[in-house]
Amino acid sequence: MLSFFNKALVACGELRESHRFATAMLVILATGIVAAMVIFGLLEGVLLRELLIPLPRWTDLFAGAPIAV
């Protein structure tokens, strides 16, 4: 477990030294997060919300059908 923290510290130190890479990494990460939020927001708004068209109740579908005995 100690080697993980040592590697994390080395990686943070390298990110401090290379500002261009760190900036590019943050921009790409932020773009991915925003894109995921937009996609899930659209899917939730289009597919998961109730439809604006009033759908008939399931009992209304069989109101005129003859009863099979």
C-alpha atoms as a PDB file:
ATOM      1  CA  MET A   1       0.000   0.000   0.000  1.00  0.00           C
ATOM      2  CA  LEU A   2       2.907   2.291   0.670  1.00  0.00           C
ATOM      3  CA  SER A   3       4.132   1.943  -2.885  1.00  0.00           C
ATOM      4  CA  PHE A   4       0.752   3.206  -4.145  1.00  0.00           C
ATOM      5  CA  PHE A   5       1.089   6.397  -2.118  1.00  0.00           C
ATOM      6  CA  ASN A   6       4.703   6.830  -3.242  1.00  0.00           C
ATOM      7  CA  LYS A   7       3.644   6.457  -6.879  1.00  0.00           C
ATOM      8  CA  ALA A   8       0.792   8.924  -6.325  1.00  0.00           C
ATOM      9  CA  LEU A   9       3.202  11.468  -4.827  1.00  0.00           C
ATOM     10  CA  VAL A  10       5.610  11.048  -7.734  1.00  0.00           C
ATOM     11  CA  ALA A  11       2.739  11.484 -10.220  1.00  0.00           C
ATOM     12  CA  CYS A  12       1.571  14.663  -8.448  1.00  0.00           C
ATOM     13  CA  GLY A  13       5.103  15.999  -8.515  1.00  0.00           C
ATOM     14  CA  GLU A  14       5.384  15.343 -12.240  1.00  0.00           C
ATOM     15  CA  LEU A  15       2.056  17.100 -12.854  1.00  0.00           C
ATOM     16  CA  ARG A  16       3.349  20.144 -10.986  1.00  0.00           C
ATOM     17  CA  GLU A  17       6.364  20.291 -13.267  1.00  0.00           C
ATOM     18  CA  SER A  18       4.533  19.888 -16.578  1.00  0.00           C
ATOM     19  CA  HIS A  19       1.851  22.569 -16.598  1.00  0.00           C
ATOM     20  CA  ARG A  20       0.785  21.955 -20.185  1.00  0.00           C
ATOM     21  CA  PHE A  21       0.027  18.299 -19.574  1.00  0.00           C
ATOM     22  CA  ALA A  22      -1.815  19.048 -16.337  1.00  0.00           C
ATOM     23  CA  THR A  23      -3.903  21.737 -18.033  1.00  0.00           C
ATOM     24  CA  ALA A  24      -4.723  19.475 -20.968  1.00  0.00           C
ATOM     25  CA  MET A  25      -5.642  16.660 -18.592  1.00  0.00           C
ATOM     26  CA  LEU A  26      -7.978  18.885 -16.587  1.00  0.00           C
ATOM     27  CA  VAL A  27      -9.645  20.263 -19.722  1.00  0.00           C
ATOM     28  CA  ILE A  28     -10.214  16.766 -21.115  1.00  0.00           C
ATOM     29  CA  LEU A  29     -11.536  15.521 -17.773  1.00  0.00           C
ATOM     30  CA  ALA A  30     -13.897  18.485 -17.416  1.00  0.00           C
ATOM     31  CA  THR A  31     -15.119  18.051 -21.005  1.00  0.00           C
ATOM     32  CA  GLY A  32     -15.867  14.379 -20.357  1.00  0.00           C
ATOM     33  CA  ILE A  33     -17.786  15.159 -17.168  1.00  0.00           C
ATOM     34  CA  VAL A  34     -19.850  17.857 -18.878  1.00  0.00           C
ATOM     35  CA  ALA A  35     -20.549  15.606 -21.875  1.00  0.00           C
ATOM     36  CA  ALA A  36     -21.733  12.794 -19.587  1.00  0.00           C
ATOM     37  CA  MET A  37     -24.003  15.211 -17.698  1.00  0.00           C
ATOM     38  CA  VAL A  38     -25.519  16.494 -20.946  1.00  0.00           C
ATOM     39  CA  ILE A  39     -26.092  13.000 -22.337  1.00  0.00           C
ATOM     40  CA  PHE A  40     -27.701  11.713 -19.144  1.00  0.00           C
ATOM     41  CA  GLY A  41     -29.758  14.890 -18.823  1.00  0.00           C
ATOM     42  CA  LEU A  42     -31.103  14.488 -22.341  1.00  0.00           C
ATOM     43  CA  LEU A  43     -31.838  10.808 -21.822  1.00  0.00           C
ATOM     44  CA  GLU A  44     -33.608  11.540 -18.560  1.00  0.00           C
ATOM     45  CA  GLY A  45     -35.609  14.347 -20.101  1.00  0.00           C
ATOM     46  CA  VAL A  46     -36.599  12.434 -23.217  1.00  0.00           C
ATOM     47  CA  LEU A  47     -36.954   8.835 -22.104  1.00  0.00           C
ATOM     48  CA  LEU A  48     -37.530   8.755 -18.354  1.00  0.00           C
ATOM     49  CA  ARG A  49     -39.957  11.602 -17.749  1.00  0.00           C
ATOM     50  CA  GLU A  50     -43.658  11.084 -18.189  1.00  0.00           C
ATOM     51  CA  LEU A  51     -44.893  11.606 -21.710  1.00  0.00           C
ATOM     52  CA  LEU A  52     -46.958  14.702 -22.393  1.00  0.00           C
ATOM     53  CA  ILE A  53     -49.424  12.641 -24.446  1.00  0.00           C
ATOM     54  CA  PRO A  54     -52.166  11.224 -22.230  1.00  0.00           C
ATOM     55  CA  LEU A  55     -52.124   7.464 -22.568  1.00  0.00           C
ATOM     56  CA  PRO A  56     -55.298   5.438 -22.009  1.00  0.00           C
ATOM     57  CA  ARG A  57     -55.575   3.305 -18.922  1.00  0.00           C
ATOM     58  CA  TRP A  58     -55.155  -0.409 -19.526  1.00  0.00           C
ATOM     59  CA  THR A  59     -58.781  -0.996 -18.478  1.00  0.00           C
ATOM     60  CA  ASP A  60     -59.954   1.348 -21.240  1.00  0.00           C
ATOM     61  CA  LEU A  61     -58.261  -0.831 -23.835  1.00  0.00           C
ATOM     62  CA  PHE A  62     -60.554  -3.777 -23.051  1.00  0.00           C
ATOM     63  CA  ALA A  63     -63.797  -1.876 -22.421  1.00  0.00           C
ATOM     64  CA  GLY A  64     -65.297  -2.690 -25.832  1.00  0.00           C
ATOM     65  CA  ALA A  65     -63.839  -6.151 -26.272  1.00  0.00           C
ATOM     66  CA  PRO A  66     -66.191  -9.129 -25.954  1.00  0.00           C
ATOM     67  CA  ILE A  67     -65.598 -11.442 -23.024  1.00  0.00           C
ATOM     68  CA  ALA A  68     -64.282 -14.831 -24.115  1.00  0.00           C
ATOM     69  CA  VAL A  69     -65.711 -17.675 -22.065  1.00  0.00           C
END
